[in-house]
Amino acid sequence: MHGYRIVELYYNNLIMIRSDDPAGIALSPYEAYQRGYLGKSDRLERFPWNRDFEHLYSMTPDAALNYLNKLFSGRGNFELTINRKQ
């Protein structure tokens, strides 16, 4: 990732270090999101506006992608994709 790697995500704060720094364990974006946001028991209290999107976690990736494309259609230029690597 442009010479950096993820070592921690804490809610909406991403901690990255240079790739050549031996400190810390590199996390994939998926691992960081699971540990640093989705797995936090108080995330909906801290970010109540995200509650409207909770149902996306129970959808298949393709169904979620279709839902979001429909939701944001006509709202400008955007591109959504699914990263199937985890």
PDB file of N, CA and C in Angstrom:
ATOM      1  N   MET A   1       0.823  -1.172   0.000  1.00  0.00           N
ATOM      2  CA  MET A   1       0.000   0.000   0.000  1.00  0.00           C
ATOM      3  C   MET A   1       0.875   1.246   0.000  1.00  0.00           C
ATOM      4  N   HIS A   2       1.427   1.541  -1.118  1.00  0.00           N
ATOM      5  CA  HIS A   2       2.224   2.753  -1.291  1.00  0.00           C
ATOM      6  C   HIS A   2       3.386   2.834  -0.301  1.00  0.00           C
ATOM      7  N   GLY A   3       3.972   1.702   0.019  1.00  0.00           N
ATOM      8  CA  GLY A   3       5.125   1.684   0.911  1.00  0.00           C
ATOM      9  C   GLY A   3       4.792   1.625   2.394  1.00  0.00           C
ATOM     10  N   TYR A   4       3.525   1.405   2.718  1.00  0.00           N
ATOM     11  CA  TYR A   4       3.109   1.308   4.115  1.00  0.00           C
ATOM     12  C   TYR A   4       2.299   0.037   4.324  1.00  0.00           C
ATOM     13  N   ARG A   5       2.159  -0.350   5.585  1.00  0.00           N
ATOM     14  CA  ARG A   5       1.320  -1.496   5.922  1.00  0.00           C
ATOM     15  C   ARG A   5       0.472  -1.165   7.136  1.00  0.00           C
ATOM     16  N   ILE A   6      -0.674  -1.809   7.196  1.00  0.00           N
ATOM     17  CA  ILE A   6      -1.611  -1.583   8.294  1.00  0.00           C
ATOM     18  C   ILE A   6      -1.166  -2.391   9.507  1.00  0.00           C
ATOM     19  N   VAL A   7      -1.091  -1.740  10.654  1.00  0.00           N
ATOM     20  CA  VAL A   7      -0.778  -2.456  11.893  1.00  0.00           C
ATOM     21  C   VAL A   7      -1.942  -2.418  12.877  1.00  0.00           C
ATOM     22  N   GLU A   8      -2.861  -1.451  12.704  1.00  0.00           N
ATOM     23  CA  GLU A   8      -4.013  -1.401  13.603  1.00  0.00           C
ATOM     24  C   GLU A   8      -5.080  -0.478  13.030  1.00  0.00           C
ATOM     25  N   LEU A   9      -6.320  -0.817  13.319  1.00  0.00           N
ATOM     26  CA  LEU A   9      -7.452   0.071  13.082  1.00  0.00           C
ATOM     27  C   LEU A   9      -8.186   0.163  14.405  1.00  0.00           C
ATOM     28  N   TYR A  10      -8.457   1.376  14.852  1.00  0.00           N
ATOM     29  CA  TYR A  10      -9.208   1.586  16.089  1.00  0.00           C
ATOM     30  C   TYR A  10     -10.392   2.463  15.720  1.00  0.00           C
ATOM     31  N   TYR A  11     -11.547   1.815  15.508  1.00  0.00           N
ATOM     32  CA  TYR A  11     -12.761   2.460  15.031  1.00  0.00           C
ATOM     33  C   TYR A  11     -12.489   3.140  13.685  1.00  0.00           C
ATOM     34  N   ASN A  12     -12.295   4.447  13.660  1.00  0.00           N
ATOM     35  CA  ASN A  12     -12.052   5.116  12.383  1.00  0.00           C
ATOM     36  C   ASN A  12     -10.641   5.698  12.299  1.00  0.00           C
ATOM     37  N   ASN A  13      -9.747   5.176  13.109  1.00  0.00           N
ATOM     38  CA  ASN A  13      -8.354   5.617  13.092  1.00  0.00           C
ATOM     39  C   ASN A  13      -7.459   4.482  12.607  1.00  0.00           C
ATOM     40  N   LEU A  14      -6.834   4.692  11.478  1.00  0.00           N
ATOM     41  CA  LEU A  14      -5.979   3.682  10.877  1.00  0.00           C
ATOM     42  C   LEU A  14      -4.529   3.991  11.229  1.00  0.00           C
ATOM     43  N   ILE A  15      -3.816   2.994  11.721  1.00  0.00           N
ATOM     44  CA  ILE A  15      -2.405   3.135  12.056  1.00  0.00           C
ATOM     45  C   ILE A  15      -1.612   2.349  11.020  1.00  0.00           C
ATOM     46  N   MET A  16      -0.730   3.048  10.322  1.00  0.00           N
ATOM     47  CA  MET A  16       0.122   2.407   9.313  1.00  0.00           C
ATOM     48  C   MET A  16       1.571   2.765   9.613  1.00  0.00           C
ATOM     49  N   ILE A  17       2.468   1.859   9.237  1.00  0.00           N
ATOM     50  CA  ILE A  17       3.899   2.137   9.353  1.00  0.00           C
ATOM     51  C   ILE A  17       4.557   1.798   8.024  1.00  0.00           C
ATOM     52  N   ARG A  18       5.748   2.283   7.854  1.00  0.00           N
ATOM     53  CA  ARG A  18       6.485   2.008   6.611  1.00  0.00           C
ATOM     54  C   ARG A  18       6.685   0.505   6.453  1.00  0.00           C
ATOM     55  N   SER A  19       6.616   0.043   5.239  1.00  0.00           N
ATOM     56  CA  SER A  19       6.759  -1.392   4.967  1.00  0.00           C
ATOM     57  C   SER A  19       8.105  -1.952   5.398  1.00  0.00           C
ATOM     58  N   ASP A  20       9.134  -1.127   5.389  1.00  0.00           N
ATOM     59  CA  ASP A  20      10.466  -1.614   5.759  1.00  0.00           C
ATOM     60  C   ASP A  20      10.730  -1.548   7.262  1.00  0.00           C
ATOM     61  N   ASP A  21       9.781  -1.082   8.050  1.00  0.00           N
ATOM     62  CA  ASP A  21       9.919  -1.048   9.506  1.00  0.00           C
ATOM     63  C   ASP A  21       9.590  -2.442  10.047  1.00  0.00           C
ATOM     64  N   PRO A  22      10.493  -3.066  10.805  1.00  0.00           N
ATOM     65  CA  PRO A  22      10.248  -4.424  11.292  1.00  0.00           C
ATOM     66  C   PRO A  22       9.223  -4.516  12.429  1.00  0.00           C
ATOM     67  N   ALA A  23       8.812  -3.409  12.999  1.00  0.00           N
ATOM     68  CA  ALA A  23       7.881  -3.424  14.135  1.00  0.00           C
ATOM     69  C   ALA A  23       6.464  -3.754  13.676  1.00  0.00           C
ATOM     70  N   GLY A  24       5.730  -4.401  14.536  1.00  0.00           N
ATOM     71  CA  GLY A  24       4.312  -4.645  14.294  1.00  0.00           C
ATOM     72  C   GLY A  24       4.021  -5.739  13.288  1.00  0.00           C
ATOM     73  N   ILE A  25       2.822  -6.239  13.348  1.00  0.00           N
ATOM     74  CA  ILE A  25       2.346  -7.282  12.441  1.00  0.00           C
ATOM     75  C   ILE A  25       1.469  -6.620  11.392  1.00  0.00           C
ATOM     76  N   ALA A  26       1.683  -6.945  10.136  1.00  0.00           N
ATOM     77  CA  ALA A  26       0.865  -6.384   9.065  1.00  0.00           C
ATOM     78  C   ALA A  26      -0.503  -7.060   9.050  1.00  0.00           C
ATOM     79  N   LEU A  27      -1.553  -6.249   8.937  1.00  0.00           N
ATOM     80  CA  LEU A  27      -2.919  -6.748   8.838  1.00  0.00           C
ATOM     81  C   LEU A  27      -3.451  -6.461   7.442  1.00  0.00           C
ATOM     82  N   SER A  28      -4.266  -7.355   6.935  1.00  0.00           N
ATOM     83  CA  SER A  28      -4.964  -7.068   5.687  1.00  0.00           C
ATOM     84  C   SER A  28      -6.067  -6.058   6.009  1.00  0.00           C
ATOM     85  N   PRO A  29      -6.573  -5.342   5.019  1.00  0.00           N
ATOM     86  CA  PRO A  29      -7.698  -4.444   5.291  1.00  0.00           C
ATOM     87  C   PRO A  29      -8.882  -5.185   5.928  1.00  0.00           C
ATOM     88  N   TYR A  30      -9.138  -6.405   5.488  1.00  0.00           N
ATOM     89  CA  TYR A  30     -10.232  -7.209   6.048  1.00  0.00           C
ATOM     90  C   TYR A  30      -9.997  -7.490   7.530  1.00  0.00           C
ATOM     91  N   GLU A  31      -8.781  -7.954   7.868  1.00  0.00           N
ATOM     92  CA  GLU A  31      -8.458  -8.246   9.272  1.00  0.00           C
ATOM     93  C   GLU A  31      -8.560  -6.995  10.136  1.00  0.00           C
ATOM     94  N   ALA A  32      -8.033  -5.893   9.624  1.00  0.00           N
ATOM     95  CA  ALA A  32      -8.076  -4.645  10.382  1.00  0.00           C
ATOM     96  C   ALA A  32      -9.511  -4.219  10.640  1.00  0.00           C
ATOM     97  N   TYR A  33     -10.371  -4.316   9.628  1.00  0.00           N
ATOM     98  CA  TYR A  33     -11.771  -3.915   9.781  1.00  0.00           C
ATOM     99  C   TYR A  33     -12.493  -4.819  10.774  1.00  0.00           C
ATOM    100  N   GLN A  34     -12.245  -6.128  10.682  1.00  0.00           N
ATOM    101  CA  GLN A  34     -12.886  -7.065  11.602  1.00  0.00           C
ATOM    102  C   GLN A  34     -12.482  -6.790  13.049  1.00  0.00           C
ATOM    103  N   ARG A  35     -11.189  -6.603  13.274  1.00  0.00           N
ATOM    104  CA  ARG A  35     -10.686  -6.388  14.640  1.00  0.00           C
ATOM    105  C   ARG A  35     -10.963  -4.981  15.159  1.00  0.00           C
ATOM    106  N   GLY A  36     -10.767  -3.997  14.297  1.00  0.00           N
ATOM    107  CA  GLY A  36     -10.763  -2.614  14.741  1.00  0.00           C
ATOM    108  C   GLY A  36     -12.088  -1.891  14.673  1.00  0.00           C
ATOM    109  N   TYR A  37     -13.081  -2.476  13.985  1.00  0.00           N
ATOM    110  CA  TYR A  37     -14.387  -1.833  13.928  1.00  0.00           C
ATOM    111  C   TYR A  37     -15.515  -2.839  14.125  1.00  0.00           C
ATOM    112  N   LEU A  38     -15.643  -3.777  13.218  1.00  0.00           N
ATOM    113  CA  LEU A  38     -16.794  -4.676  13.234  1.00  0.00           C
ATOM    114  C   LEU A  38     -16.865  -5.502  14.514  1.00  0.00           C
ATOM    115  N   GLY A  39     -15.737  -5.879  15.058  1.00  0.00           N
ATOM    116  CA  GLY A  39     -15.716  -6.689  16.273  1.00  0.00           C
ATOM    117  C   GLY A  39     -15.887  -5.910  17.574  1.00  0.00           C
ATOM    118  N   LYS A  40     -15.995  -4.609  17.492  1.00  0.00           N
ATOM    119  CA  LYS A  40     -16.155  -3.786  18.701  1.00  0.00           C
ATOM    120  C   LYS A  40     -17.621  -3.788  19.145  1.00  0.00           C
ATOM    121  N   SER A  41     -17.865  -4.170  20.381  1.00  0.00           N
ATOM    122  CA  SER A  41     -19.237  -4.311  20.868  1.00  0.00           C
ATOM    123  C   SER A  41     -19.971  -2.974  21.000  1.00  0.00           C
ATOM    124  N   ASP A  42     -19.250  -1.883  21.116  1.00  0.00           N
ATOM    125  CA  ASP A  42     -19.897  -0.579  21.289  1.00  0.00           C
ATOM    126  C   ASP A  42     -19.885   0.282  20.025  1.00  0.00           C
ATOM    127  N   ARG A  43     -19.606  -0.322  18.872  1.00  0.00           N
ATOM    128  CA  ARG A  43     -19.471   0.471  17.644  1.00  0.00           C
ATOM    129  C   ARG A  43     -20.744   1.193  17.260  1.00  0.00           C
ATOM    130  N   LEU A  44     -21.907   0.603  17.508  1.00  0.00           N
ATOM    131  CA  LEU A  44     -23.157   1.266  17.133  1.00  0.00           C
ATOM    132  C   LEU A  44     -23.508   2.406  18.086  1.00  0.00           C
ATOM    133  N   GLU A  45     -23.015   2.345  19.305  1.00  0.00           N
ATOM    134  CA  GLU A  45     -23.210   3.465  20.219  1.00  0.00           C
ATOM    135  C   GLU A  45     -22.300   4.630  19.820  1.00  0.00           C
ATOM    136  N   ARG A  46     -21.092   4.312  19.411  1.00  0.00           N
ATOM    137  CA  ARG A  46     -20.147   5.354  19.001  1.00  0.00           C
ATOM    138  C   ARG A  46     -20.479   5.944  17.633  1.00  0.00           C
ATOM    139  N   PHE A  47     -21.018   5.122  16.751  1.00  0.00           N
ATOM    140  CA  PHE A  47     -21.327   5.544  15.385  1.00  0.00           C
ATOM    141  C   PHE A  47     -22.755   5.164  15.043  1.00  0.00           C
ATOM    142  N   PRO A  48     -23.752   5.776  15.683  1.00  0.00           N
ATOM    143  CA  PRO A  48     -25.150   5.364  15.481  1.00  0.00           C
ATOM    144  C   PRO A  48     -25.639   5.548  14.048  1.00  0.00           C
ATOM    145  N   TRP A  49     -25.049   6.457  13.302  1.00  0.00           N
ATOM    146  CA  TRP A  49     -25.464   6.679  11.919  1.00  0.00           C
ATOM    147  C   TRP A  49     -25.132   5.491  11.018  1.00  0.00           C
ATOM    148  N   ASN A  50     -24.253   4.607  11.460  1.00  0.00           N
ATOM    149  CA  ASN A  50     -23.922   3.418  10.668  1.00  0.00           C
ATOM    150  C   ASN A  50     -24.965   2.312  10.823  1.00  0.00           C
ATOM    151  N   ARG A  51     -25.874   2.469  11.762  1.00  0.00           N
ATOM    152  CA  ARG A  51     -26.906   1.455  12.014  1.00  0.00           C
ATOM    153  C   ARG A  51     -27.743   1.171  10.760  1.00  0.00           C
ATOM    154  N   ASP A  52     -27.936   2.186   9.926  1.00  0.00           N
ATOM    155  CA  ASP A  52     -28.731   2.020   8.708  1.00  0.00           C
ATOM    156  C   ASP A  52     -28.126   1.020   7.730  1.00  0.00           C
ATOM    157  N   PHE A  53     -26.851   0.684   7.923  1.00  0.00           N
ATOM    158  CA  PHE A  53     -26.173  -0.222   6.997  1.00  0.00           C
ATOM    159  C   PHE A  53     -25.849  -1.581   7.620  1.00  0.00           C
ATOM    160  N   GLU A  54     -26.336  -1.850   8.811  1.00  0.00           N
ATOM    161  CA  GLU A  54     -26.063  -3.122   9.496  1.00  0.00           C
ATOM    162  C   GLU A  54     -26.521  -4.331   8.692  1.00  0.00           C
ATOM    163  N   HIS A  55     -27.612  -4.202   7.976  1.00  0.00           N
ATOM    164  CA  HIS A  55     -28.142  -5.337   7.210  1.00  0.00           C
ATOM    165  C   HIS A  55     -27.190  -5.783   6.096  1.00  0.00           C
ATOM    166  N   LEU A  56     -26.254  -4.931   5.706  1.00  0.00           N
ATOM    167  CA  LEU A  56     -25.295  -5.315   4.657  1.00  0.00           C
ATOM    168  C   LEU A  56     -24.415  -6.487   5.101  1.00  0.00           C
ATOM    169  N   TYR A  57     -24.143  -6.584   6.398  1.00  0.00           N
ATOM    170  CA  TYR A  57     -23.266  -7.648   6.893  1.00  0.00           C
ATOM    171  C   TYR A  57     -23.882  -9.034   6.740  1.00  0.00           C
ATOM    172  N   SER A  58     -25.194  -9.119   6.638  1.00  0.00           N
ATOM    173  CA  SER A  58     -25.853 -10.419   6.475  1.00  0.00           C
ATOM    174  C   SER A  58     -26.101 -10.764   5.007  1.00  0.00           C
ATOM    175  N   MET A  59     -25.768  -9.860   4.108  1.00  0.00           N
ATOM    176  CA  MET A  59     -25.963 -10.099   2.673  1.00  0.00           C
ATOM    177  C   MET A  59     -24.731 -10.763   2.072  1.00  0.00           C
ATOM    178  N   THR A  60     -24.934 -11.421   0.948  1.00  0.00           N
ATOM    179  CA  THR A  60     -23.781 -11.903   0.190  1.00  0.00           C
ATOM    180  C   THR A  60     -23.062 -10.685  -0.376  1.00  0.00           C
ATOM    181  N   PRO A  61     -21.792 -10.799  -0.708  1.00  0.00           N
ATOM    182  CA  PRO A  61     -21.092  -9.651  -1.299  1.00  0.00           C
ATOM    183  C   PRO A  61     -21.778  -9.114  -2.558  1.00  0.00           C
ATOM    184  N   ASP A  62     -22.256 -10.003  -3.423  1.00  0.00           N
ATOM    185  CA  ASP A  62     -22.907  -9.541  -4.644  1.00  0.00           C
ATOM    186  C   ASP A  62     -24.222  -8.819  -4.353  1.00  0.00           C
ATOM    187  N   ALA A  63     -24.997  -9.313  -3.393  1.00  0.00           N
ATOM    188  CA  ALA A  63     -26.251  -8.663  -3.027  1.00  0.00           C
ATOM    189  C   ALA A  63     -25.978  -7.291  -2.410  1.00  0.00           C
ATOM    190  N   ALA A  64     -24.964  -7.186  -1.572  1.00  0.00           N
ATOM    191  CA  ALA A  64     -24.608  -5.903  -0.963  1.00  0.00           C
ATOM    192  C   ALA A  64     -24.153  -4.912  -2.029  1.00  0.00           C
ATOM    193  N   LEU A  65     -23.367  -5.377  -2.980  1.00  0.00           N
ATOM    194  CA  LEU A  65     -22.905  -4.522  -4.066  1.00  0.00           C
ATOM    195  C   LEU A  65     -24.089  -3.999  -4.880  1.00  0.00           C
ATOM    196  N   ASN A  66     -25.015  -4.872  -5.213  1.00  0.00           N
ATOM    197  CA  ASN A  66     -26.205  -4.444  -5.958  1.00  0.00           C
ATOM    198  C   ASN A  66     -27.027  -3.433  -5.156  1.00  0.00           C
ATOM    199  N   TYR A  67     -27.211  -3.690  -3.876  1.00  0.00           N
ATOM    200  CA  TYR A  67     -27.952  -2.770  -3.009  1.00  0.00           C
ATOM    201  C   TYR A  67     -27.309  -1.380  -3.009  1.00  0.00           C
ATOM    202  N   LEU A  68     -25.990  -1.342  -2.817  1.00  0.00           N
ATOM    203  CA  LEU A  68     -25.302  -0.051  -2.745  1.00  0.00           C
ATOM    204  C   LEU A  68     -25.301   0.671  -4.090  1.00  0.00           C
ATOM    205  N   ASN A  69     -25.160  -0.074  -5.174  1.00  0.00           N
ATOM    206  CA  ASN A  69     -25.223   0.554  -6.494  1.00  0.00           C
ATOM    207  C   ASN A  69     -26.586   1.198  -6.723  1.00  0.00           C
ATOM    208  N   LYS A  70     -27.646   0.524  -6.325  1.00  0.00           N
ATOM    209  CA  LYS A  70     -28.996   1.096  -6.464  1.00  0.00           C
ATOM    210  C   LYS A  70     -29.170   2.298  -5.539  1.00  0.00           C
ATOM    211  N   LEU A  71     -28.693   2.193  -4.308  1.00  0.00           N
ATOM    212  CA  LEU A  71     -28.838   3.263  -3.330  1.00  0.00           C
ATOM    213  C   LEU A  71     -28.176   4.554  -3.806  1.00  0.00           C
ATOM    214  N   PHE A  72     -26.994   4.436  -4.401  1.00  0.00           N
ATOM    215  CA  PHE A  72     -26.233   5.620  -4.787  1.00  0.00           C
ATOM    216  C   PHE A  72     -26.362   5.983  -6.263  1.00  0.00           C
ATOM    217  N   SER A  73     -27.159   5.264  -7.021  1.00  0.00           N
ATOM    218  CA  SER A  73     -27.309   5.593  -8.444  1.00  0.00           C
ATOM    219  C   SER A  73     -27.915   6.988  -8.581  1.00  0.00           C
ATOM    220  N   GLY A  74     -27.403   7.724  -9.540  1.00  0.00           N
ATOM    221  CA  GLY A  74     -27.867   9.080  -9.769  1.00  0.00           C
ATOM    222  C   GLY A  74     -27.279  10.114  -8.825  1.00  0.00           C
ATOM    223  N   ARG A  75     -26.316   9.728  -8.009  1.00  0.00           N
ATOM    224  CA  ARG A  75     -25.713  10.659  -7.034  1.00  0.00           C
ATOM    225  C   ARG A  75     -24.278  11.013  -7.399  1.00  0.00           C
ATOM    226  N   GLY A  76     -23.967  11.053  -8.674  1.00  0.00           N
ATOM    227  CA  GLY A  76     -22.614  11.401  -9.091  1.00  0.00           C
ATOM    228  C   GLY A  76     -21.853  10.184  -9.558  1.00  0.00           C
ATOM    229  N   ASN A  77     -20.593  10.386  -9.818  1.00  0.00           N
ATOM    230  CA  ASN A  77     -19.738   9.308 -10.314  1.00  0.00           C
ATOM    231  C   ASN A  77     -19.124   8.538  -9.154  1.00  0.00           C
ATOM    232  N   PHE A  78     -19.237   7.234  -9.225  1.00  0.00           N
ATOM    233  CA  PHE A  78     -18.615   6.377  -8.227  1.00  0.00           C
ATOM    234  C   PHE A  78     -18.417   5.001  -8.840  1.00  0.00           C
ATOM    235  N   GLU A  79     -17.559   4.242  -8.225  1.00  0.00           N
ATOM    236  CA  GLU A  79     -17.326   2.860  -8.659  1.00  0.00           C
ATOM    237  C   GLU A  79     -17.176   1.997  -7.424  1.00  0.00           C
ATOM    238  N   LEU A  80     -17.994   0.970  -7.323  1.00  0.00           N
ATOM    239  CA  LEU A  80     -17.914   0.022  -6.220  1.00  0.00           C
ATOM    240  C   LEU A  80     -17.450  -1.316  -6.766  1.00  0.00           C
ATOM    241  N   THR A  81     -16.552  -1.948  -6.061  1.00  0.00           N
ATOM    242  CA  THR A  81     -16.081  -3.270  -6.451  1.00  0.00           C
ATOM    243  C   THR A  81     -15.996  -4.149  -5.211  1.00  0.00           C
ATOM    244  N   ILE A  82     -15.867  -5.429  -5.437  1.00  0.00           N
ATOM    245  CA  ILE A  82     -15.711  -6.387  -4.350  1.00  0.00           C
ATOM    246  C   ILE A  82     -14.285  -6.895  -4.381  1.00  0.00           C
ATOM    247  N   ASN A  83     -13.601  -6.793  -3.252  1.00  0.00           N
ATOM    248  CA  ASN A  83     -12.277  -7.371  -3.118  1.00  0.00           C
ATOM    249  C   ASN A  83     -12.470  -8.771  -2.537  1.00  0.00           C
ATOM    250  N   ARG A  84     -12.291  -9.770  -3.335  1.00  0.00           N
ATOM    251  CA  ARG A  84     -12.549 -11.139  -2.898  1.00  0.00           C
ATOM    252  C   ARG A  84     -11.359 -11.762  -2.177  1.00  0.00           C
ATOM    253  N   LYS A  85     -10.258 -11.042  -2.054  1.00  0.00           N
ATOM    254  CA  LYS A  85      -9.099 -11.537  -1.304  1.00  0.00           C
ATOM    255  C   LYS A  85      -9.248 -11.157   0.144  1.00  0.00           C
ATOM    256  N   GLN A  86      -8.997 -12.111   1.049  1.00  0.00           N
ATOM    257  CA  GLN A  86      -9.081 -11.808   2.476  1.00  0.00           C
ATOM    258  C   GLN A  86      -7.913 -12.376   3.200  1.00  0.00           C
TER     259      GLN A  86
END
